[in-house]
């Protein structure tokens, strides 16, 4: 299988920076670091304002962040209640 070479010397500075931030956004998304991914997609938009791909990826990260926030807001009180119950019953 041949690997396609990209000659970066033919790309503009803006295109190189755009691709760099898109790749970093993708990499962060793969390990579920959505805030870092979102920031990189937003950085990419500085080099290609209005780019549909980077905008959609940033919005996708926002959805993941909101989902994770809801999960935390549900799980933390449950965990705290369990800890409180364990402490309460161990002191009796």
PDB file of N, CA and C in Angstrom:
ATOM      1  N   UNK A   1       0.845  -1.165   0.000  1.00  0.00           N
ATOM      2  CA  UNK A   1       0.000   0.000   0.000  1.00  0.00           C
ATOM      3  C   UNK A   1       0.894   1.234   0.000  1.00  0.00           C
ATOM      4  N   UNK A   2       0.709   2.107  -0.934  1.00  0.00           N
ATOM      5  CA  UNK A   2       1.532   3.310  -1.030  1.00  0.00           C
ATOM      6  C   UNK A   2       0.988   4.398  -0.118  1.00  0.00           C
ATOM      7  N   UNK A   3       1.920   5.130   0.455  1.00  0.00           N
ATOM      8  CA  UNK A   3       1.546   6.245   1.323  1.00  0.00           C
ATOM      9  C   UNK A   3       1.640   7.523   0.508  1.00  0.00           C
ATOM     10  N   UNK A   4       0.567   8.284   0.463  1.00  0.00           N
ATOM     11  CA  UNK A   4       0.552   9.518  -0.311  1.00  0.00           C
ATOM     12  C   UNK A   4       1.357  10.593   0.407  1.00  0.00           C
ATOM     13  N   UNK A   5       2.295  11.187  -0.303  1.00  0.00           N
ATOM     14  CA  UNK A   5       3.103  12.248   0.279  1.00  0.00           C
ATOM     15  C   UNK A   5       2.446  13.587   0.031  1.00  0.00           C
ATOM     16  N   UNK A   6       2.490  14.427   1.049  1.00  0.00           N
ATOM     17  CA  UNK A   6       1.994  15.790   0.911  1.00  0.00           C
ATOM     18  C   UNK A   6       3.210  16.700   0.997  1.00  0.00           C
ATOM     19  N   UNK A   7       3.425  17.468  -0.011  1.00  0.00           N
ATOM     20  CA  UNK A   7       4.567  18.372  -0.031  1.00  0.00           C
ATOM     21  C   UNK A   7       4.152  19.697   0.598  1.00  0.00           C
ATOM     22  N   UNK A   8       4.522  19.841   1.872  1.00  0.00           N
ATOM     23  CA  UNK A   8       4.103  21.024   2.609  1.00  0.00           C
ATOM     24  C   UNK A   8       4.740  22.301   2.095  1.00  0.00           C
ATOM     25  N   UNK A   9       5.833  22.194   1.348  1.00  0.00           N
ATOM     26  CA  UNK A   9       6.456  23.416   0.834  1.00  0.00           C
ATOM     27  C   UNK A   9       5.552  24.110  -0.178  1.00  0.00           C
ATOM     28  N   UNK A  10       4.576  23.396  -0.719  1.00  0.00           N
ATOM     29  CA  UNK A  10       3.647  23.992  -1.678  1.00  0.00           C
ATOM     30  C   UNK A  10       2.397  24.569  -1.010  1.00  0.00           C
ATOM     31  N   UNK A  11       2.286  24.391   0.301  1.00  0.00           N
ATOM     32  CA  UNK A  11       1.111  24.885   1.015  1.00  0.00           C
ATOM     33  C   UNK A  11       1.395  26.255   1.609  1.00  0.00           C
ATOM     34  N   UNK A  12       0.340  27.027   1.748  1.00  0.00           N
ATOM     35  CA  UNK A  12       0.493  28.323   2.410  1.00  0.00           C
ATOM     36  C   UNK A  12       0.639  28.107   3.913  1.00  0.00           C
ATOM     37  N   UNK A  13       1.134  29.113   4.587  1.00  0.00           N
ATOM     38  CA  UNK A  13       1.257  29.058   6.047  1.00  0.00           C
ATOM     39  C   UNK A  13      -0.107  28.773   6.676  1.00  0.00           C
ATOM     40  N   UNK A  14      -1.150  29.428   6.178  1.00  0.00           N
ATOM     41  CA  UNK A  14      -2.494  29.244   6.710  1.00  0.00           C
ATOM     42  C   UNK A  14      -2.970  27.808   6.547  1.00  0.00           C
ATOM     43  N   UNK A  15      -2.685  27.202   5.402  1.00  0.00           N
ATOM     44  CA  UNK A  15      -3.108  25.822   5.159  1.00  0.00           C
ATOM     45  C   UNK A  15      -2.347  24.858   6.066  1.00  0.00           C
ATOM     46  N   UNK A  16      -1.060  25.098   6.270  1.00  0.00           N
ATOM     47  CA  UNK A  16      -0.268  24.243   7.163  1.00  0.00           C
ATOM     48  C   UNK A  16      -0.807  24.332   8.582  1.00  0.00           C
ATOM     49  N   UNK A  17      -1.064  25.544   9.066  1.00  0.00           N
ATOM     50  CA  UNK A  17      -1.580  25.722  10.428  1.00  0.00           C
ATOM     51  C   UNK A  17      -2.984  25.137  10.552  1.00  0.00           C
ATOM     52  N   UNK A  18      -3.815  25.317   9.533  1.00  0.00           N
ATOM     53  CA  UNK A  18      -5.165  24.750   9.532  1.00  0.00           C
ATOM     54  C   UNK A  18      -5.091  23.226   9.674  1.00  0.00           C
ATOM     55  N   UNK A  19      -4.279  22.592   8.847  1.00  0.00           N
ATOM     56  CA  UNK A  19      -4.152  21.133   8.888  1.00  0.00           C
ATOM     57  C   UNK A  19      -3.586  20.655  10.225  1.00  0.00           C
ATOM     58  N   UNK A  20      -2.649  21.401  10.768  1.00  0.00           N
ATOM     59  CA  UNK A  20      -2.062  21.066  12.063  1.00  0.00           C
ATOM     60  C   UNK A  20      -3.141  21.035  13.144  1.00  0.00           C
ATOM     61  N   UNK A  21      -3.973  22.080  13.199  1.00  0.00           N
ATOM     62  CA  UNK A  21      -5.004  22.148  14.240  1.00  0.00           C
ATOM     63  C   UNK A  21      -6.130  21.143  14.002  1.00  0.00           C
ATOM     64  N   UNK A  22      -6.456  20.886  12.759  1.00  0.00           N
ATOM     65  CA  UNK A  22      -7.457  19.856  12.457  1.00  0.00           C
ATOM     66  C   UNK A  22      -6.950  18.491  12.936  1.00  0.00           C
ATOM     67  N   UNK A  23      -5.694  18.184  12.648  1.00  0.00           N
ATOM     68  CA  UNK A  23      -5.129  16.906  13.071  1.00  0.00           C
ATOM     69  C   UNK A  23      -5.085  16.794  14.591  1.00  0.00           C
ATOM     70  N   UNK A  24      -4.683  17.860  15.273  1.00  0.00           N
ATOM     71  CA  UNK A  24      -4.654  17.847  16.738  1.00  0.00           C
ATOM     72  C   UNK A  24      -6.072  17.685  17.296  1.00  0.00           C
ATOM     73  N   UNK A  25      -7.039  18.364  16.687  1.00  0.00           N
ATOM     74  CA  UNK A  25      -8.429  18.207  17.115  1.00  0.00           C
ATOM     75  C   UNK A  25      -8.879  16.763  16.979  1.00  0.00           C
ATOM     76  N   UNK A  26      -8.541  16.163  15.864  1.00  0.00           N
ATOM     77  CA  UNK A  26      -8.885  14.757  15.631  1.00  0.00           C
ATOM     78  C   UNK A  26      -8.215  13.862  16.675  1.00  0.00           C
ATOM     79  N   UNK A  27      -6.931  14.106  16.914  1.00  0.00           N
ATOM     80  CA  UNK A  27      -6.189  13.292  17.887  1.00  0.00           C
ATOM     81  C   UNK A  27      -6.799  13.414  19.288  1.00  0.00           C
ATOM     82  N   UNK A  28      -7.127  14.617  19.706  1.00  0.00           N
ATOM     83  CA  UNK A  28      -7.745  14.813  21.020  1.00  0.00           C
ATOM     84  C   UNK A  28      -9.126  14.163  21.084  1.00  0.00           C
ATOM     85  N   UNK A  29      -9.866  14.201  19.986  1.00  0.00           N
ATOM     86  CA  UNK A  29     -11.190  13.577  19.952  1.00  0.00           C
ATOM     87  C   UNK A  29     -11.069  12.064  20.137  1.00  0.00           C
ATOM     88  N   UNK A  30     -10.067  11.463  19.542  1.00  0.00           N
ATOM     89  CA  UNK A  30      -9.885  10.013  19.651  1.00  0.00           C
ATOM     90  C   UNK A  30      -9.655   9.565  21.089  1.00  0.00           C
ATOM     91  N   UNK A  31      -9.061  10.439  21.925  1.00  0.00           N
ATOM     92  CA  UNK A  31      -8.837  10.071  23.323  1.00  0.00           C
ATOM     93  C   UNK A  31      -9.819  10.796  24.246  1.00  0.00           C
ATOM     94  N   UNK A  32     -10.892  11.291  23.634  1.00  0.00           N
ATOM     95  CA  UNK A  32     -12.016  11.902  24.334  1.00  0.00           C
ATOM     96  C   UNK A  32     -11.626  13.091  25.213  1.00  0.00           C
ATOM     97  N   UNK A  33     -10.689  13.898  24.729  1.00  0.00           N
ATOM     98  CA  UNK A  33     -10.357  15.177  25.366  1.00  0.00           C
ATOM     99  C   UNK A  33     -11.037  16.262  24.533  1.00  0.00           C
ATOM    100  N   UNK A  34     -12.352  16.377  24.751  1.00  0.00           N
ATOM    101  CA  UNK A  34     -13.175  17.195  23.867  1.00  0.00           C
ATOM    102  C   UNK A  34     -12.933  18.692  24.005  1.00  0.00           C
ATOM    103  N   UNK A  35     -12.563  19.163  25.176  1.00  0.00           N
ATOM    104  CA  UNK A  35     -12.275  20.597  25.320  1.00  0.00           C
ATOM    105  C   UNK A  35     -11.025  20.972  24.532  1.00  0.00           C
ATOM    106  N   UNK A  36      -9.999  20.164  24.615  1.00  0.00           N
ATOM    107  CA  UNK A  36      -8.778  20.421  23.842  1.00  0.00           C
ATOM    108  C   UNK A  36      -9.051  20.293  22.349  1.00  0.00           C
ATOM    109  N   UNK A  37      -9.841  19.300  21.978  1.00  0.00           N
ATOM    110  CA  UNK A  37     -10.193  19.124  20.569  1.00  0.00           C
ATOM    111  C   UNK A  37     -10.948  20.343  20.059  1.00  0.00           C
ATOM    112  N   UNK A  38     -11.930  20.806  20.839  1.00  0.00           N
ATOM    113  CA  UNK A  38     -12.727  21.970  20.428  1.00  0.00           C
ATOM    114  C   UNK A  38     -11.833  23.189  20.227  1.00  0.00           C
ATOM    115  N   UNK A  39     -10.896  23.399  21.127  1.00  0.00           N
ATOM    116  CA  UNK A  39     -10.014  24.555  21.003  1.00  0.00           C
ATOM    117  C   UNK A  39      -9.162  24.467  19.739  1.00  0.00           C
ATOM    118  N   UNK A  40      -8.733  23.278  19.384  1.00  0.00           N
ATOM    119  CA  UNK A  40      -7.954  23.137  18.154  1.00  0.00           C
ATOM    120  C   UNK A  40      -8.808  23.345  16.917  1.00  0.00           C
ATOM    121  N   UNK A  41     -10.034  22.868  16.937  1.00  0.00           N
ATOM    122  CA  UNK A  41     -10.919  23.128  15.796  1.00  0.00           C
ATOM    123  C   UNK A  41     -11.212  24.624  15.679  1.00  0.00           C
ATOM    124  N   UNK A  42     -11.347  25.298  16.801  1.00  0.00           N
ATOM    125  CA  UNK A  42     -11.556  26.757  16.767  1.00  0.00           C
ATOM    126  C   UNK A  42     -10.312  27.478  16.252  1.00  0.00           C
ATOM    127  N   UNK A  43      -9.140  26.967  16.637  1.00  0.00           N
ATOM    128  CA  UNK A  43      -7.898  27.547  16.110  1.00  0.00           C
ATOM    129  C   UNK A  43      -7.837  27.370  14.597  1.00  0.00           C
ATOM    130  N   UNK A  44      -8.259  26.213  14.112  1.00  0.00           N
ATOM    131  CA  UNK A  44      -8.272  25.962  12.665  1.00  0.00           C
ATOM    132  C   UNK A  44      -9.147  26.985  11.956  1.00  0.00           C
ATOM    133  N   UNK A  45     -10.233  27.379  12.609  1.00  0.00           N
ATOM    134  CA  UNK A  45     -11.138  28.370  12.007  1.00  0.00           C
ATOM    135  C   UNK A  45     -10.491  29.742  11.854  1.00  0.00           C
ATOM    136  N   UNK A  46      -9.460  30.014  12.615  1.00  0.00           N
ATOM    137  CA  UNK A  46      -8.740  31.288  12.462  1.00  0.00           C
ATOM    138  C   UNK A  46      -7.984  31.315  11.137  1.00  0.00           C
ATOM    139  N   UNK A  47      -7.612  30.137  10.648  1.00  0.00           N
ATOM    140  CA  UNK A  47      -6.861  30.053   9.403  1.00  0.00           C
ATOM    141  C   UNK A  47      -7.754  29.835   8.187  1.00  0.00           C
ATOM    142  N   UNK A  48      -8.956  29.301   8.429  1.00  0.00           N
ATOM    143  CA  UNK A  48      -9.970  29.153   7.376  1.00  0.00           C
ATOM    144  C   UNK A  48     -11.309  29.561   7.975  1.00  0.00           C
ATOM    145  N   UNK A  49     -11.548  30.861   8.099  1.00  0.00           N
ATOM    146  CA  UNK A  49     -12.808  31.316   8.701  1.00  0.00           C
ATOM    147  C   UNK A  49     -14.020  30.777   7.939  1.00  0.00           C
ATOM    148  N   UNK A  50     -15.008  30.326   8.706  1.00  0.00           N
ATOM    149  CA  UNK A  50     -16.235  29.826   8.100  1.00  0.00           C
ATOM    150  C   UNK A  50     -16.139  28.412   7.557  1.00  0.00           C
ATOM    151  N   UNK A  51     -15.036  27.723   7.796  1.00  0.00           N
ATOM    152  CA  UNK A  51     -14.869  26.364   7.290  1.00  0.00           C
ATOM    153  C   UNK A  51     -15.924  25.445   7.912  1.00  0.00           C
ATOM    154  N   UNK A  52     -16.701  24.801   7.071  1.00  0.00           N
ATOM    155  CA  UNK A  52     -17.808  23.955   7.539  1.00  0.00           C
ATOM    156  C   UNK A  52     -17.312  22.754   8.339  1.00  0.00           C
ATOM    157  N   UNK A  53     -16.212  22.141   7.907  1.00  0.00           N
ATOM    158  CA  UNK A  53     -15.705  20.950   8.593  1.00  0.00           C
ATOM    159  C   UNK A  53     -15.266  21.291  10.016  1.00  0.00           C
ATOM    160  N   UNK A  54     -14.428  22.307  10.166  1.00  0.00           N
ATOM    161  CA  UNK A  54     -13.932  22.693  11.494  1.00  0.00           C
ATOM    162  C   UNK A  54     -15.080  23.157  12.386  1.00  0.00           C
ATOM    163  N   UNK A  55     -16.029  23.881  11.817  1.00  0.00           N
ATOM    164  CA  UNK A  55     -17.188  24.348  12.598  1.00  0.00           C
ATOM    165  C   UNK A  55     -18.014  23.176  13.108  1.00  0.00           C
ATOM    166  N   UNK A  56     -18.269  22.208  12.244  1.00  0.00           N
ATOM    167  CA  UNK A  56     -19.057  21.036  12.641  1.00  0.00           C
ATOM    168  C   UNK A  56     -18.328  20.222  13.709  1.00  0.00           C
ATOM    169  N   UNK A  57     -17.027  20.079  13.556  1.00  0.00           N
ATOM    170  CA  UNK A  57     -16.259  19.333  14.550  1.00  0.00           C
ATOM    171  C   UNK A  57     -16.258  20.053  15.902  1.00  0.00           C
ATOM    172  N   UNK A  58     -16.162  21.370  15.904  1.00  0.00           N
ATOM    173  CA  UNK A  58     -16.211  22.132  17.156  1.00  0.00           C
ATOM    174  C   UNK A  58     -17.586  21.975  17.812  1.00  0.00           C
ATOM    175  N   UNK A  59     -18.649  22.010  17.020  1.00  0.00           N
ATOM    176  CA  UNK A  59     -20.001  21.820  17.548  1.00  0.00           C
ATOM    177  C   UNK A  59     -20.186  20.401  18.083  1.00  0.00           C
ATOM    178  N   UNK A  60     -19.608  19.426  17.402  1.00  0.00           N
ATOM    179  CA  UNK A  60     -19.669  18.040  17.862  1.00  0.00           C
ATOM    180  C   UNK A  60     -18.986  17.916  19.231  1.00  0.00           C
ATOM    181  N   UNK A  61     -17.870  18.590  19.390  1.00  0.00           N
ATOM    182  CA  UNK A  61     -17.175  18.586  20.687  1.00  0.00           C
ATOM    183  C   UNK A  61     -18.052  19.234  21.759  1.00  0.00           C
ATOM    184  N   UNK A  62     -18.726  20.331  21.406  1.00  0.00           N
ATOM    185  CA  UNK A  62     -19.639  20.974  22.358  1.00  0.00           C
ATOM    186  C   UNK A  62     -20.718  20.006  22.826  1.00  0.00           C
ATOM    187  N   UNK A  63     -21.245  19.207  21.898  1.00  0.00           N
ATOM    188  CA  UNK A  63     -22.275  18.229  22.270  1.00  0.00           C
ATOM    189  C   UNK A  63     -21.714  17.182  23.230  1.00  0.00           C
ATOM    190  N   UNK A  64     -20.518  16.721  22.968  1.00  0.00           N
ATOM    191  CA  UNK A  64     -19.874  15.749  23.865  1.00  0.00           C
ATOM    192  C   UNK A  64     -19.619  16.361  25.247  1.00  0.00           C
ATOM    193  N   UNK A  65     -19.186  17.604  25.267  1.00  0.00           N
ATOM    194  CA  UNK A  65     -18.914  18.277  26.547  1.00  0.00           C
ATOM    195  C   UNK A  65     -20.203  18.416  27.346  1.00  0.00           C
ATOM    196  N   UNK A  66     -21.282  18.819  26.677  1.00  0.00           N
ATOM    197  CA  UNK A  66     -22.579  18.937  27.378  1.00  0.00           C
ATOM    198  C   UNK A  66     -23.033  17.581  27.907  1.00  0.00           C
ATOM    199  N   UNK A  67     -22.891  16.543  27.103  1.00  0.00           N
ATOM    200  CA  UNK A  67     -23.273  15.194  27.530  1.00  0.00           C
ATOM    201  C   UNK A  67     -22.471  14.764  28.754  1.00  0.00           C
ATOM    202  N   UNK A  68     -21.174  14.984  28.712  1.00  0.00           N
ATOM    203  CA  UNK A  68     -20.317  14.602  29.831  1.00  0.00           C
ATOM    204  C   UNK A  68     -20.629  15.402  31.082  1.00  0.00           C
ATOM    205  N   UNK A  69     -20.970  16.674  30.914  1.00  0.00           N
ATOM    206  CA  UNK A  69     -21.319  17.515  32.060  1.00  0.00           C
ATOM    207  C   UNK A  69     -22.574  16.986  32.739  1.00  0.00           C
ATOM    208  N   UNK A  70     -23.557  16.591  31.955  1.00  0.00           N
ATOM    209  CA  UNK A  70     -24.790  16.032  32.515  1.00  0.00           C
ATOM    210  C   UNK A  70     -24.479  14.747  33.269  1.00  0.00           C
ATOM    211  N   UNK A  71     -23.631  13.922  32.701  1.00  0.00           N
ATOM    212  CA  UNK A  71     -23.260  12.675  33.383  1.00  0.00           C
ATOM    213  C   UNK A  71     -22.613  12.958  34.729  1.00  0.00           C
ATOM    214  N   UNK A  72     -21.730  13.922  34.772  1.00  0.00           N
ATOM    215  CA  UNK A  72     -21.057  14.266  36.024  1.00  0.00           C
ATOM    216  C   UNK A  72     -22.064  14.803  37.033  1.00  0.00           C
ATOM    217  N   UNK A  73     -22.971  15.659  36.568  1.00  0.00           N
ATOM    218  CA  UNK A  73     -23.964  16.242  37.481  1.00  0.00           C
ATOM    219  C   UNK A  73     -24.913  15.191  38.038  1.00  0.00           C
ATOM    220  N   UNK A  74     -25.084  14.106  37.341  1.00  0.00           N
ATOM    221  CA  UNK A  74     -25.927  13.006  37.833  1.00  0.00           C
ATOM    222  C   UNK A  74     -25.119  12.082  38.744  1.00  0.00           C
ATOM    223  N   UNK A  75     -23.910  11.744  38.344  1.00  0.00           N
ATOM    224  CA  UNK A  75     -23.129  10.755  39.085  1.00  0.00           C
ATOM    225  C   UNK A  75     -22.533  11.273  40.394  1.00  0.00           C
ATOM    226  N   UNK A  76     -22.101  12.511  40.429  1.00  0.00           N
ATOM    227  CA  UNK A  76     -21.450  13.027  41.642  1.00  0.00           C
ATOM    228  C   UNK A  76     -22.371  12.961  42.854  1.00  0.00           C
ATOM    229  N   UNK A  77     -23.614  13.425  42.773  1.00  0.00           N
ATOM    230  CA  UNK A  77     -24.486  13.307  43.953  1.00  0.00           C
ATOM    231  C   UNK A  77     -24.730  11.854  44.380  1.00  0.00           C
ATOM    232  N   UNK A  78     -24.818  10.963  43.420  1.00  0.00           N
ATOM    233  CA  UNK A  78     -25.022   9.544  43.745  1.00  0.00           C
ATOM    234  C   UNK A  78     -23.809   8.993  44.495  1.00  0.00           C
ATOM    235  N   UNK A  79     -22.633   9.283  43.999  1.00  0.00           N
ATOM    236  CA  UNK A  79     -21.409   8.817  44.653  1.00  0.00           C
ATOM    237  C   UNK A  79     -21.292   9.422  46.047  1.00  0.00           C
ATOM    238  N   UNK A  80     -21.581  10.702  46.177  1.00  0.00           N
ATOM    239  CA  UNK A  80     -21.527  11.345  47.494  1.00  0.00           C
ATOM    240  C   UNK A  80     -22.531  10.718  48.460  1.00  0.00           C
ATOM    241  N   UNK A  81     -23.714  10.381  47.984  1.00  0.00           N
ATOM    242  CA  UNK A  81     -24.715   9.740  48.838  1.00  0.00           C
ATOM    243  C   UNK A  81     -24.225   8.360  49.288  1.00  0.00           C
ATOM    244  N   UNK A  82     -23.602   7.625  48.401  1.00  0.00           N
ATOM    245  CA  UNK A  82     -23.073   6.301  48.760  1.00  0.00           C
ATOM    246  C   UNK A  82     -21.967   6.440  49.799  1.00  0.00           C
ATOM    247  N   UNK A  83     -21.071   7.387  49.597  1.00  0.00           N
ATOM    248  CA  UNK A  83     -19.991   7.615  50.563  1.00  0.00           C
ATOM    249  C   UNK A  83     -20.567   8.011  51.917  1.00  0.00           C
ATOM    250  N   UNK A  84     -21.542   8.907  51.927  1.00  0.00           N
ATOM    251  CA  UNK A  84     -22.169   9.330  53.167  1.00  0.00           C
ATOM    252  C   UNK A  84     -22.834   8.151  53.875  1.00  0.00           C
ATOM    253  N   UNK A  85     -23.493   7.286  53.113  1.00  0.00           N
ATOM    254  CA  UNK A  85     -24.157   6.121  53.706  1.00  0.00           C
ATOM    255  C   UNK A  85     -23.132   5.166  54.294  1.00  0.00           C
ATOM    256  N   UNK A  86     -22.037   4.942  53.604  1.00  0.00           N
ATOM    257  CA  UNK A  86     -20.985   4.054  54.123  1.00  0.00           C
ATOM    258  C   UNK A  86     -20.399   4.620  55.416  1.00  0.00           C
ATOM    259  N   UNK A  87     -20.120   5.911  55.403  1.00  0.00           N
ATOM    260  CA  UNK A  87     -19.561   6.537  56.607  1.00  0.00           C
ATOM    261  C   UNK A  87     -20.572   6.458  57.746  1.00  0.00           C
ATOM    262  N   UNK A  88     -21.813   6.770  57.461  1.00  0.00           N
ATOM    263  CA  UNK A  88     -22.863   6.749  58.490  1.00  0.00           C
ATOM    264  C   UNK A  88     -22.985   5.368  59.133  1.00  0.00           C
ATOM    265  N   UNK A  89     -23.058   4.338  58.279  1.00  0.00           N
ATOM    266  CA  UNK A  89     -23.247   2.989  58.811  1.00  0.00           C
ATOM    267  C   UNK A  89     -21.988   2.411  59.451  1.00  0.00           C
ATOM    268  N   UNK A  90     -20.840   2.894  59.059  1.00  0.00           N
ATOM    269  CA  UNK A  90     -19.602   2.403  59.687  1.00  0.00           C
ATOM    270  C   UNK A  90     -19.397   3.043  61.065  1.00  0.00           C
ATOM    271  N   UNK A  91     -20.016   4.184  61.311  1.00  0.00           N
ATOM    272  CA  UNK A  91     -19.885   4.856  62.597  1.00  0.00           C
ATOM    273  C   UNK A  91     -20.928   4.384  63.606  1.00  0.00           C
ATOM    274  N   UNK A  92     -21.881   3.644  63.185  1.00  0.00           N
ATOM    275  CA  UNK A  92     -22.954   3.190  64.087  1.00  0.00           C
ATOM    276  C   UNK A  92     -22.527   2.081  64.949  1.00  0.00           C
TER     277      UNK A  92
END
